[in-house]
Every structure is written in C-alpha cells, then in structure tokens.
Amino acid sequence: MSFVTILLLAVGLSMDALAVAISAAVTLDQLSGRRVFRLAFHFGLFQAVMPIVGWLAGMQLQQIIASWDHWVAFGLLTFIGAKAIRTAFAEPDANASRNDPTRGLTLIGLAIATSIDALAVGVGLAMLRVSIWYPSIVIGCTTGALTAIGMLIGTRLGKRFGKKVEVAGGLVLIGIGLRILLEHVL
C-alpha cells in the first residue's frame, strides 16, 4: 500500500473526528493548549488503535462487529449531540460548570464513536494481508492533526456565532451518527 493511499484513507477516516472537534470546541468557554492536546491525542490514539483491533480480529469477528458497530456510534453521537443542544438552551447557572468534551466519559465516548469505522478498515486490511502498523501510525497522526485544526476552527466559530453554533454542533454530531447508522442499515 503506497503512502498516498494510506494518507487518503487516513484523511477519510479523520473527517468525523474533524467535524466532532469543531463541534466540541464551539461548546468550550475558552480553548487551551491542554484541551486541544487531550482531544487530539485521544482521537488520534483511538483512530490508531482501532484498525489494529480490527486487523487482529480479522475475518473471524467481521460479521459480529459489523452487526452492531454502527448502533454504538449512532447512540454515542446522538446522546452527546442532544446534550450539547440541551446545554445551549439551558439557563446559565453561576455555580455549574459547562460540560468539557475534552474530559472524562464524554471524551472517551467521542473518541470511540469517531473511531469505530477505523475498526472496519482494520478488518479490511487484514483481508488484504496488509501490515497494519504503518497505516495505523499514519491514521493516528493525521487524525490528531486534523482534530487540533478542527478545534481551532470551532473556537473561532463559537466566538463569532455563539449559541447558534452550539446547536448546529449538536445537530452535526447527531447527523454524523445518523449517517453512520444509515450507511450500515441501508
């Protein structure tokens, strides 16, 4: 597999992470290097590890994984998107801190949801008898870089358009989940 092919695959897999990073950054009051690093690192790590898991599972588990992976991604993205929309319309509470999508279970849920399709890519690469290590590194690094770029874009959009972009970000997350579900169901 050539580097260009692997890079195009990596960019394709990273598009969901880019969209989610933009949506996540919109919800943040302030963007810090630490937040960018956390999201970019976790998205890149999960995108790098999932093809390895898929590759190791190979053809034995392909039918099992394919029967539920889209439902997991849809559920996680819909839940997190609905939460973002609800937060945009909620009355601000001086004592409550906003949910930070770069921390805790939200971060893990987003990382899993955006990397499930990489699991299927790993299974496909196993069927093609392609070594998984180099593609996984390229996929992880590309996803990390595009996630960081997405967060910078999202912050600018959030400052410029406010709550409207938060609602749009939540709708984008739900839309990505729905797209993943429909691609597998239809």
N, C-alpha and C. Protein backbone atom coordinates (compact mmCIF):
# COMPACT_ATOMS: atom_id res chain seq x y z
N MET A 1 0.85 -1.17 0.00
CA MET A 1 0.00 0.00 0.00
C MET A 1 0.90 1.24 0.00
N SER A 2 0.66 2.17 -0.92
CA SER A 2 1.51 3.35 -1.03
C SER A 2 1.17 4.37 0.06
N PHE A 3 2.09 5.27 0.33
CA PHE A 3 1.87 6.31 1.33
C PHE A 3 0.68 7.18 0.97
N VAL A 4 0.54 7.53 -0.31
CA VAL A 4 -0.57 8.38 -0.74
C VAL A 4 -1.90 7.68 -0.46
N THR A 5 -1.99 6.39 -0.73
CA THR A 5 -3.20 5.63 -0.47
C THR A 5 -3.52 5.61 1.02
N ILE A 6 -2.49 5.38 1.82
CA ILE A 6 -2.68 5.35 3.27
C ILE A 6 -3.09 6.73 3.77
N LEU A 7 -2.48 7.79 3.26
CA LEU A 7 -2.81 9.14 3.68
C LEU A 7 -4.25 9.50 3.30
N LEU A 8 -4.68 9.12 2.11
CA LEU A 8 -6.07 9.38 1.71
C LEU A 8 -7.05 8.61 2.59
N LEU A 9 -6.70 7.38 2.94
CA LEU A 9 -7.50 6.59 3.86
C LEU A 9 -7.57 7.29 5.22
N ALA A 10 -6.42 7.77 5.69
CA ALA A 10 -6.35 8.44 6.99
C ALA A 10 -7.20 9.71 7.00
N VAL A 11 -7.12 10.49 5.94
CA VAL A 11 -7.92 11.73 5.86
C VAL A 11 -9.41 11.38 5.84
N GLY A 12 -9.77 10.38 5.09
CA GLY A 12 -11.17 9.95 5.05
C GLY A 12 -11.67 9.52 6.41
N LEU A 13 -10.88 8.74 7.13
CA LEU A 13 -11.26 8.31 8.47
C LEU A 13 -11.31 9.47 9.45
N SER A 14 -10.53 10.51 9.21
CA SER A 14 -10.42 11.64 10.14
C SER A 14 -11.54 12.66 9.99
N MET A 15 -12.34 12.57 8.96
CA MET A 15 -13.36 13.59 8.73
C MET A 15 -14.40 13.66 9.84
N ASP A 16 -14.81 12.52 10.38
CA ASP A 16 -15.74 12.55 11.51
C ASP A 16 -15.09 13.21 12.72
N ALA A 17 -13.83 12.88 12.97
CA ALA A 17 -13.12 13.47 14.10
C ALA A 17 -12.98 14.98 13.92
N LEU A 18 -12.72 15.42 12.70
CA LEU A 18 -12.62 16.85 12.42
C LEU A 18 -13.94 17.55 12.72
N ALA A 19 -15.04 17.00 12.24
CA ALA A 19 -16.36 17.60 12.48
C ALA A 19 -16.71 17.62 13.97
N VAL A 20 -16.40 16.54 14.66
CA VAL A 20 -16.69 16.47 16.09
C VAL A 20 -15.80 17.45 16.85
N ALA A 21 -14.55 17.61 16.44
CA ALA A 21 -13.65 18.56 17.10
C ALA A 21 -14.17 19.99 16.95
N ILE A 22 -14.66 20.32 15.77
CA ILE A 22 -15.24 21.66 15.57
C ILE A 22 -16.43 21.84 16.50
N SER A 23 -17.31 20.84 16.54
CA SER A 23 -18.50 20.91 17.40
C SER A 23 -18.13 20.99 18.87
N ALA A 24 -17.13 20.23 19.28
CA ALA A 24 -16.71 20.23 20.68
C ALA A 24 -16.11 21.58 21.07
N ALA A 25 -15.30 22.15 20.21
CA ALA A 25 -14.65 23.41 20.53
C ALA A 25 -15.65 24.55 20.65
N VAL A 26 -16.74 24.47 19.91
CA VAL A 26 -17.78 25.50 19.97
C VAL A 26 -18.35 25.60 21.38
N THR A 27 -18.44 24.47 22.08
CA THR A 27 -19.07 24.45 23.41
C THR A 27 -18.14 24.94 24.51
N LEU A 28 -16.87 25.09 24.23
CA LEU A 28 -15.91 25.48 25.27
C LEU A 28 -15.91 26.99 25.47
N ASP A 29 -15.84 27.40 26.74
CA ASP A 29 -15.73 28.83 27.05
C ASP A 29 -14.38 29.38 26.61
N GLN A 30 -13.36 28.58 26.81
CA GLN A 30 -12.01 29.01 26.48
C GLN A 30 -11.22 27.80 25.97
N LEU A 31 -10.48 28.02 24.90
CA LEU A 31 -9.66 26.95 24.34
C LEU A 31 -8.25 27.07 24.90
N SER A 32 -7.74 25.96 25.40
CA SER A 32 -6.36 25.96 25.91
C SER A 32 -5.57 24.88 25.17
N GLY A 33 -4.28 25.01 25.23
CA GLY A 33 -3.42 24.00 24.62
C GLY A 33 -3.65 22.63 25.20
N ARG A 34 -3.95 22.59 26.49
CA ARG A 34 -4.21 21.31 27.17
C ARG A 34 -5.46 20.64 26.60
N ARG A 35 -6.51 21.42 26.38
CA ARG A 35 -7.75 20.86 25.83
C ARG A 35 -7.54 20.37 24.40
N VAL A 36 -6.85 21.16 23.61
CA VAL A 36 -6.56 20.75 22.23
C VAL A 36 -5.75 19.46 22.25
N PHE A 37 -4.73 19.41 23.10
CA PHE A 37 -3.90 18.20 23.17
C PHE A 37 -4.73 16.99 23.59
N ARG A 38 -5.56 17.15 24.63
CA ARG A 38 -6.35 16.00 25.11
C ARG A 38 -7.24 15.43 24.02
N LEU A 39 -7.99 16.30 23.34
CA LEU A 39 -8.89 15.80 22.31
C LEU A 39 -8.11 15.21 21.13
N ALA A 40 -7.09 15.95 20.67
CA ALA A 40 -6.30 15.48 19.52
C ALA A 40 -5.58 14.17 19.86
N PHE A 41 -5.02 14.08 21.06
CA PHE A 41 -4.31 12.87 21.47
C PHE A 41 -5.26 11.67 21.52
N HIS A 42 -6.40 11.85 22.18
CA HIS A 42 -7.32 10.71 22.33
C HIS A 42 -7.95 10.30 21.00
N PHE A 43 -8.33 11.28 20.19
CA PHE A 43 -8.89 10.93 18.88
C PHE A 43 -7.84 10.22 18.03
N GLY A 44 -6.61 10.74 18.03
CA GLY A 44 -5.53 10.11 17.27
C GLY A 44 -5.21 8.72 17.79
N LEU A 45 -5.16 8.57 19.12
CA LEU A 45 -4.86 7.28 19.72
C LEU A 45 -5.93 6.24 19.37
N PHE A 46 -7.20 6.61 19.54
CA PHE A 46 -8.27 5.66 19.24
C PHE A 46 -8.30 5.33 17.76
N GLN A 47 -8.06 6.33 16.89
CA GLN A 47 -8.03 6.06 15.45
C GLN A 47 -6.86 5.16 15.08
N ALA A 48 -5.77 5.23 15.82
CA ALA A 48 -4.61 4.37 15.54
C ALA A 48 -4.82 2.96 16.09
N VAL A 49 -5.47 2.83 17.23
CA VAL A 49 -5.63 1.53 17.88
C VAL A 49 -6.77 0.71 17.24
N MET A 50 -7.84 1.37 16.85
CA MET A 50 -8.99 0.63 16.32
C MET A 50 -8.66 -0.20 15.07
N PRO A 51 -7.88 0.31 14.11
CA PRO A 51 -7.54 -0.56 12.97
C PRO A 51 -6.72 -1.78 13.40
N ILE A 52 -5.91 -1.61 14.43
CA ILE A 52 -5.12 -2.74 14.94
C ILE A 52 -6.05 -3.79 15.53
N VAL A 53 -7.03 -3.33 16.32
CA VAL A 53 -8.01 -4.26 16.90
C VAL A 53 -8.78 -4.97 15.78
N GLY A 54 -9.22 -4.21 14.78
CA GLY A 54 -9.94 -4.81 13.66
C GLY A 54 -9.07 -5.79 12.88
N TRP A 55 -7.82 -5.41 12.70
CA TRP A 55 -6.88 -6.27 11.97
C TRP A 55 -6.67 -7.58 12.71
N LEU A 56 -6.50 -7.48 14.05
CA LEU A 56 -6.30 -8.69 14.85
C LEU A 56 -7.56 -9.57 14.86
N ALA A 57 -8.71 -8.95 14.87
CA ALA A 57 -9.96 -9.71 14.85
C ALA A 57 -10.13 -10.43 13.52
N GLY A 58 -9.69 -9.73 12.46
CA GLY A 58 -9.71 -10.33 11.13
C GLY A 58 -11.07 -10.81 10.69
N MET A 59 -11.07 -11.86 9.93
CA MET A 59 -12.31 -12.34 9.33
C MET A 59 -13.21 -13.07 10.32
N GLN A 60 -12.66 -13.60 11.41
CA GLN A 60 -13.47 -14.36 12.36
C GLN A 60 -14.59 -13.51 12.96
N LEU A 61 -14.29 -12.28 13.31
CA LEU A 61 -15.27 -11.46 14.01
C LEU A 61 -15.95 -10.43 13.12
N GLN A 62 -15.65 -10.43 11.85
CA GLN A 62 -16.20 -9.40 10.96
C GLN A 62 -17.72 -9.34 11.02
N GLN A 63 -18.39 -10.45 10.96
CA GLN A 63 -19.86 -10.46 10.97
C GLN A 63 -20.41 -9.94 12.29
N ILE A 64 -19.79 -10.31 13.39
CA ILE A 64 -20.26 -9.87 14.71
C ILE A 64 -20.08 -8.36 14.86
N ILE A 65 -18.90 -7.85 14.55
CA ILE A 65 -18.60 -6.43 14.68
C ILE A 65 -19.50 -5.61 13.76
N ALA A 66 -19.65 -6.05 12.54
CA ALA A 66 -20.45 -5.30 11.56
C ALA A 66 -21.92 -5.21 11.96
N SER A 67 -22.39 -6.14 12.77
CA SER A 67 -23.81 -6.14 13.12
C SER A 67 -24.15 -5.12 14.20
N TRP A 68 -23.19 -4.57 14.94
CA TRP A 68 -23.54 -3.62 16.00
C TRP A 68 -22.69 -2.36 16.05
N ASP A 69 -21.60 -2.25 15.31
CA ASP A 69 -20.72 -1.08 15.45
C ASP A 69 -21.42 0.24 15.12
N HIS A 70 -22.27 0.24 14.10
CA HIS A 70 -22.98 1.45 13.70
C HIS A 70 -23.99 1.89 14.75
N TRP A 71 -24.58 0.95 15.47
CA TRP A 71 -25.52 1.30 16.53
C TRP A 71 -24.80 1.97 17.70
N VAL A 72 -23.62 1.50 18.03
CA VAL A 72 -22.83 2.12 19.11
C VAL A 72 -22.46 3.55 18.73
N ALA A 73 -21.94 3.74 17.53
CA ALA A 73 -21.56 5.08 17.08
C ALA A 73 -22.77 6.01 17.07
N PHE A 74 -23.89 5.54 16.52
CA PHE A 74 -25.11 6.34 16.47
C PHE A 74 -25.57 6.74 17.87
N GLY A 75 -25.62 5.79 18.77
CA GLY A 75 -26.07 6.07 20.13
C GLY A 75 -25.19 7.07 20.86
N LEU A 76 -23.89 6.89 20.78
CA LEU A 76 -22.97 7.80 21.45
C LEU A 76 -23.06 9.21 20.88
N LEU A 77 -23.03 9.33 19.57
CA LEU A 77 -23.05 10.65 18.95
C LEU A 77 -24.40 11.35 19.16
N THR A 78 -25.48 10.61 19.11
CA THR A 78 -26.80 11.20 19.35
C THR A 78 -26.91 11.69 20.79
N PHE A 79 -26.47 10.89 21.74
CA PHE A 79 -26.52 11.28 23.14
C PHE A 79 -25.70 12.54 23.39
N ILE A 80 -24.48 12.58 22.89
CA ILE A 80 -23.60 13.73 23.11
C ILE A 80 -24.11 14.96 22.36
N GLY A 81 -24.63 14.76 21.14
CA GLY A 81 -25.21 15.88 20.38
C GLY A 81 -26.43 16.47 21.07
N ALA A 82 -27.32 15.61 21.57
CA ALA A 82 -28.51 16.08 22.29
C ALA A 82 -28.12 16.83 23.55
N LYS A 83 -27.09 16.35 24.22
CA LYS A 83 -26.60 17.02 25.42
C LYS A 83 -26.07 18.42 25.08
N ALA A 84 -25.38 18.55 23.95
CA ALA A 84 -24.86 19.85 23.53
C ALA A 84 -26.00 20.81 23.21
N ILE A 85 -27.03 20.32 22.55
CA ILE A 85 -28.19 21.17 22.23
C ILE A 85 -28.90 21.59 23.51
N ARG A 86 -29.10 20.67 24.42
CA ARG A 86 -29.75 20.99 25.70
C ARG A 86 -28.95 22.03 26.46
N THR A 87 -27.63 21.91 26.47
CA THR A 87 -26.78 22.86 27.17
C THR A 87 -26.88 24.25 26.54
N ALA A 88 -27.00 24.32 25.22
CA ALA A 88 -27.11 25.61 24.54
C ALA A 88 -28.37 26.36 24.96
N PHE A 89 -29.46 25.64 25.21
CA PHE A 89 -30.72 26.28 25.58
C PHE A 89 -30.91 26.43 27.08
N ALA A 90 -30.05 25.81 27.88
CA ALA A 90 -30.19 25.87 29.33
C ALA A 90 -29.85 27.27 29.84
N GLU A 91 -30.52 27.63 30.92
CA GLU A 91 -30.21 28.90 31.57
C GLU A 91 -28.85 28.77 32.23
N PRO A 92 -27.99 29.78 32.07
CA PRO A 92 -26.67 29.70 32.70
C PRO A 92 -26.79 29.71 34.22
N ASP A 93 -26.09 28.82 34.85
CA ASP A 93 -26.06 28.72 36.31
C ASP A 93 -24.66 29.10 36.77
N ALA A 94 -24.59 30.07 37.64
CA ALA A 94 -23.29 30.58 38.08
C ALA A 94 -22.47 29.51 38.79
N ASN A 95 -23.13 28.56 39.44
CA ASN A 95 -22.42 27.54 40.20
C ASN A 95 -22.07 26.31 39.37
N ALA A 96 -22.70 26.16 38.23
CA ALA A 96 -22.48 24.96 37.42
C ALA A 96 -21.42 25.23 36.36
N SER A 97 -20.52 24.30 36.19
CA SER A 97 -19.52 24.44 35.13
C SER A 97 -20.05 23.74 33.89
N ARG A 98 -19.68 24.25 32.75
CA ARG A 98 -20.11 23.65 31.49
C ARG A 98 -19.43 22.31 31.30
N ASN A 99 -20.09 21.43 30.61
CA ASN A 99 -19.50 20.14 30.31
C ASN A 99 -18.31 20.33 29.37
N ASP A 100 -17.20 19.76 29.71
CA ASP A 100 -15.99 19.87 28.91
C ASP A 100 -15.84 18.59 28.09
N PRO A 101 -16.03 18.68 26.76
CA PRO A 101 -15.95 17.48 25.93
C PRO A 101 -14.53 16.92 25.80
N THR A 102 -13.55 17.59 26.39
CA THR A 102 -12.18 17.09 26.34
C THR A 102 -11.80 16.35 27.61
N ARG A 103 -12.80 16.00 28.42
CA ARG A 103 -12.52 15.31 29.69
C ARG A 103 -13.50 14.17 29.91
N GLY A 104 -13.08 13.21 30.70
CA GLY A 104 -13.94 12.16 31.22
C GLY A 104 -14.62 11.27 30.20
N LEU A 105 -15.82 10.84 30.58
CA LEU A 105 -16.56 9.89 29.75
C LEU A 105 -17.00 10.49 28.42
N THR A 106 -17.23 11.80 28.38
CA THR A 106 -17.60 12.43 27.11
C THR A 106 -16.45 12.29 26.12
N LEU A 107 -15.24 12.54 26.57
CA LEU A 107 -14.06 12.40 25.72
C LEU A 107 -13.93 10.96 25.20
N ILE A 108 -14.05 10.00 26.09
CA ILE A 108 -13.93 8.60 25.69
C ILE A 108 -15.06 8.22 24.72
N GLY A 109 -16.27 8.66 25.01
CA GLY A 109 -17.40 8.36 24.12
C GLY A 109 -17.20 8.94 22.73
N LEU A 110 -16.73 10.18 22.66
CA LEU A 110 -16.47 10.79 21.35
C LEU A 110 -15.34 10.07 20.62
N ALA A 111 -14.29 9.69 21.35
CA ALA A 111 -13.15 9.00 20.72
C ALA A 111 -13.58 7.65 20.16
N ILE A 112 -14.41 6.93 20.91
CA ILE A 112 -14.89 5.63 20.42
C ILE A 112 -15.80 5.83 19.22
N ALA A 113 -16.74 6.76 19.34
CA ALA A 113 -17.73 6.96 18.27
C ALA A 113 -17.08 7.36 16.95
N THR A 114 -16.02 8.19 17.03
CA THR A 114 -15.40 8.65 15.79
C THR A 114 -14.39 7.64 15.23
N SER A 115 -14.08 6.61 15.98
CA SER A 115 -13.06 5.66 15.50
C SER A 115 -13.60 4.27 15.18
N ILE A 116 -14.89 4.07 15.31
CA ILE A 116 -15.44 2.74 15.05
C ILE A 116 -15.26 2.34 13.59
N ASP A 117 -15.36 3.31 12.68
CA ASP A 117 -15.17 2.95 11.27
C ASP A 117 -13.74 2.50 11.00
N ALA A 118 -12.79 2.95 11.82
CA ALA A 118 -11.40 2.51 11.67
C ALA A 118 -11.25 1.03 12.02
N LEU A 119 -12.13 0.54 12.88
CA LEU A 119 -12.15 -0.89 13.22
C LEU A 119 -12.43 -1.71 11.96
N ALA A 120 -13.42 -1.27 11.19
CA ALA A 120 -13.77 -1.97 9.95
C ALA A 120 -12.63 -1.89 8.94
N VAL A 121 -11.94 -0.76 8.90
CA VAL A 121 -10.80 -0.61 8.00
C VAL A 121 -9.72 -1.63 8.37
N GLY A 122 -9.50 -1.82 9.66
CA GLY A 122 -8.52 -2.81 10.10
C GLY A 122 -8.88 -4.21 9.65
N VAL A 123 -10.17 -4.55 9.73
CA VAL A 123 -10.62 -5.86 9.25
C VAL A 123 -10.35 -5.98 7.75
N GLY A 124 -10.66 -4.90 7.02
CA GLY A 124 -10.42 -4.91 5.58
C GLY A 124 -8.95 -5.07 5.23
N LEU A 125 -8.09 -4.39 5.98
CA LEU A 125 -6.64 -4.50 5.73
C LEU A 125 -6.14 -5.91 6.05
N ALA A 126 -6.75 -6.55 7.04
CA ALA A 126 -6.38 -7.93 7.36
C ALA A 126 -6.73 -8.85 6.20
N MET A 127 -7.90 -8.61 5.59
CA MET A 127 -8.31 -9.44 4.45
C MET A 127 -7.39 -9.23 3.25
N LEU A 128 -6.84 -8.02 3.13
CA LEU A 128 -5.91 -7.73 2.04
C LEU A 128 -4.47 -8.15 2.37
N ARG A 129 -4.30 -8.64 3.60
CA ARG A 129 -2.98 -9.07 4.08
C ARG A 129 -1.97 -7.94 4.05
N VAL A 130 -2.43 -6.75 4.46
CA VAL A 130 -1.58 -5.57 4.55
C VAL A 130 -1.11 -5.44 5.99
N SER A 131 0.16 -5.15 6.18
CA SER A 131 0.66 -4.90 7.53
C SER A 131 -0.07 -3.70 8.12
N ILE A 132 -0.46 -3.77 9.37
CA ILE A 132 -1.31 -2.74 9.96
C ILE A 132 -0.53 -1.63 10.66
N TRP A 133 0.71 -1.85 10.99
CA TRP A 133 1.44 -0.92 11.87
C TRP A 133 1.67 0.45 11.24
N TYR A 134 2.18 0.50 10.05
CA TYR A 134 2.43 1.78 9.39
C TYR A 134 1.14 2.54 9.10
N PRO A 135 0.12 1.89 8.52
CA PRO A 135 -1.15 2.61 8.31
C PRO A 135 -1.76 3.15 9.61
N SER A 136 -1.66 2.39 10.70
CA SER A 136 -2.22 2.85 11.97
C SER A 136 -1.53 4.10 12.48
N ILE A 137 -0.22 4.16 12.33
CA ILE A 137 0.52 5.36 12.76
C ILE A 137 0.11 6.56 11.92
N VAL A 138 0.01 6.38 10.62
CA VAL A 138 -0.39 7.48 9.73
C VAL A 138 -1.82 7.92 10.05
N ILE A 139 -2.72 6.97 10.26
CA ILE A 139 -4.11 7.28 10.58
C ILE A 139 -4.18 8.06 11.90
N GLY A 140 -3.47 7.61 12.90
CA GLY A 140 -3.49 8.27 14.21
C GLY A 140 -2.93 9.69 14.15
N CYS A 141 -1.80 9.85 13.49
CA CYS A 141 -1.18 11.19 13.40
C CYS A 141 -2.04 12.15 12.58
N THR A 142 -2.61 11.66 11.49
CA THR A 142 -3.48 12.50 10.66
C THR A 142 -4.71 12.93 11.44
N THR A 143 -5.31 12.00 12.15
CA THR A 143 -6.50 12.32 12.94
C THR A 143 -6.16 13.32 14.04
N GLY A 144 -5.04 13.13 14.71
CA GLY A 144 -4.63 14.08 15.76
C GLY A 144 -4.45 15.48 15.21
N ALA A 145 -3.79 15.59 14.06
CA ALA A 145 -3.55 16.91 13.46
C ALA A 145 -4.86 17.55 13.02
N LEU A 146 -5.73 16.81 12.36
CA LEU A 146 -7.00 17.38 11.90
C LEU A 146 -7.92 17.72 13.07
N THR A 147 -7.83 16.98 14.16
CA THR A 147 -8.62 17.29 15.35
C THR A 147 -8.18 18.63 15.93
N ALA A 148 -6.87 18.84 16.04
CA ALA A 148 -6.36 20.12 16.56
C ALA A 148 -6.80 21.28 15.67
N ILE A 149 -6.72 21.10 14.37
CA ILE A 149 -7.16 22.14 13.42
C ILE A 149 -8.66 22.39 13.59
N GLY A 150 -9.44 21.33 13.74
CA GLY A 150 -10.88 21.46 13.94
C GLY A 150 -11.23 22.23 15.19
N MET A 151 -10.48 22.01 16.25
CA MET A 151 -10.74 22.75 17.49
C MET A 151 -10.47 24.23 17.31
N LEU A 152 -9.43 24.58 16.59
CA LEU A 152 -9.13 26.00 16.33
C LEU A 152 -10.24 26.64 15.50
N ILE A 153 -10.72 25.93 14.51
CA ILE A 153 -11.83 26.43 13.68
C ILE A 153 -13.09 26.58 14.53
N GLY A 154 -13.39 25.58 15.34
CA GLY A 154 -14.59 25.59 16.17
C GLY A 154 -14.61 26.73 17.17
N THR A 155 -13.47 27.04 17.75
CA THR A 155 -13.39 28.15 18.70
C THR A 155 -13.72 29.47 18.02
N ARG A 156 -13.18 29.66 16.84
CA ARG A 156 -13.47 30.91 16.10
C ARG A 156 -14.95 31.02 15.76
N LEU A 157 -15.53 29.91 15.33
CA LEU A 157 -16.96 29.91 15.01
C LEU A 157 -17.81 30.18 16.25
N GLY A 158 -17.43 29.57 17.37
CA GLY A 158 -18.17 29.75 18.61
C GLY A 158 -18.14 31.19 19.10
N LYS A 159 -17.00 31.83 19.01
CA LYS A 159 -16.89 33.22 19.43
C LYS A 159 -17.69 34.14 18.52
N ARG A 160 -17.75 33.79 17.27
CA ARG A 160 -18.43 34.66 16.31
C ARG A 160 -19.95 34.49 16.33
N PHE A 161 -20.43 33.25 16.48
CA PHE A 161 -21.86 33.00 16.33
C PHE A 161 -22.57 32.51 17.60
N GLY A 162 -21.83 32.22 18.67
CA GLY A 162 -22.42 31.88 19.96
C GLY A 162 -23.26 30.62 19.98
N LYS A 163 -24.43 30.72 20.66
CA LYS A 163 -25.28 29.55 20.90
C LYS A 163 -25.80 28.90 19.63
N LYS A 164 -25.96 29.66 18.56
CA LYS A 164 -26.43 29.09 17.30
C LYS A 164 -25.47 28.01 16.81
N VAL A 165 -24.18 28.26 17.00
CA VAL A 165 -23.18 27.29 16.56
C VAL A 165 -23.17 26.09 17.50
N GLU A 166 -23.46 26.30 18.80
CA GLU A 166 -23.56 25.16 19.72
C GLU A 166 -24.67 24.22 19.29
N VAL A 167 -25.83 24.80 18.94
CA VAL A 167 -26.95 23.98 18.48
C VAL A 167 -26.56 23.28 17.17
N ALA A 168 -25.95 24.02 16.26
CA ALA A 168 -25.51 23.43 14.99
C ALA A 168 -24.51 22.31 15.25
N GLY A 169 -23.60 22.50 16.20
CA GLY A 169 -22.62 21.46 16.54
C GLY A 169 -23.29 20.20 17.05
N GLY A 170 -24.30 20.37 17.91
CA GLY A 170 -25.04 19.21 18.40
C GLY A 170 -25.76 18.50 17.28
N LEU A 171 -26.35 19.29 16.37
CA LEU A 171 -27.04 18.70 15.22
C LEU A 171 -26.06 17.98 14.29
N VAL A 172 -24.84 18.52 14.16
CA VAL A 172 -23.82 17.86 13.34
C VAL A 172 -23.46 16.50 13.95
N LEU A 173 -23.29 16.46 15.27
CA LEU A 173 -22.98 15.18 15.93
C LEU A 173 -24.09 14.16 15.69
N ILE A 174 -25.33 14.59 15.86
CA ILE A 174 -26.47 13.69 15.62
C ILE A 174 -26.49 13.27 14.15
N GLY A 175 -26.22 14.21 13.26
CA GLY A 175 -26.19 13.90 11.82
C GLY A 175 -25.12 12.90 11.45
N ILE A 176 -23.94 13.03 12.06
CA ILE A 176 -22.86 12.07 11.80
C ILE A 176 -23.28 10.69 12.29
N GLY A 177 -23.88 10.63 13.48
CA GLY A 177 -24.36 9.34 13.98
C GLY A 177 -25.41 8.74 13.09
N LEU A 178 -26.33 9.57 12.60
CA LEU A 178 -27.38 9.09 11.70
C LEU A 178 -26.79 8.62 10.38
N ARG A 179 -25.80 9.35 9.87
CA ARG A 179 -25.16 8.94 8.61
C ARG A 179 -24.49 7.58 8.76
N ILE A 180 -23.78 7.39 9.87
CA ILE A 180 -23.12 6.11 10.13
C ILE A 180 -24.17 4.99 10.18
N LEU A 181 -25.25 5.25 10.89
CA LEU A 181 -26.31 4.24 11.02
C LEU A 181 -26.92 3.92 9.65
N LEU A 182 -27.27 4.94 8.88
CA LEU A 182 -27.91 4.72 7.59
C LEU A 182 -26.98 4.02 6.59
N GLU A 183 -25.67 4.33 6.65
CA GLU A 183 -24.72 3.66 5.75
C GLU A 183 -24.71 2.15 5.99
N HIS A 184 -24.93 1.75 7.23
CA HIS A 184 -24.88 0.32 7.55
C HIS A 184 -26.23 -0.37 7.41
N VAL A 185 -27.30 0.38 7.63
CA VAL A 185 -28.63 -0.22 7.60
C VAL A 185 -29.18 -0.29 6.19
N LEU A 186 -28.93 0.74 5.40
CA LEU A 186 -29.50 0.77 4.04
C LEU A 186 -28.62 0.08 3.03
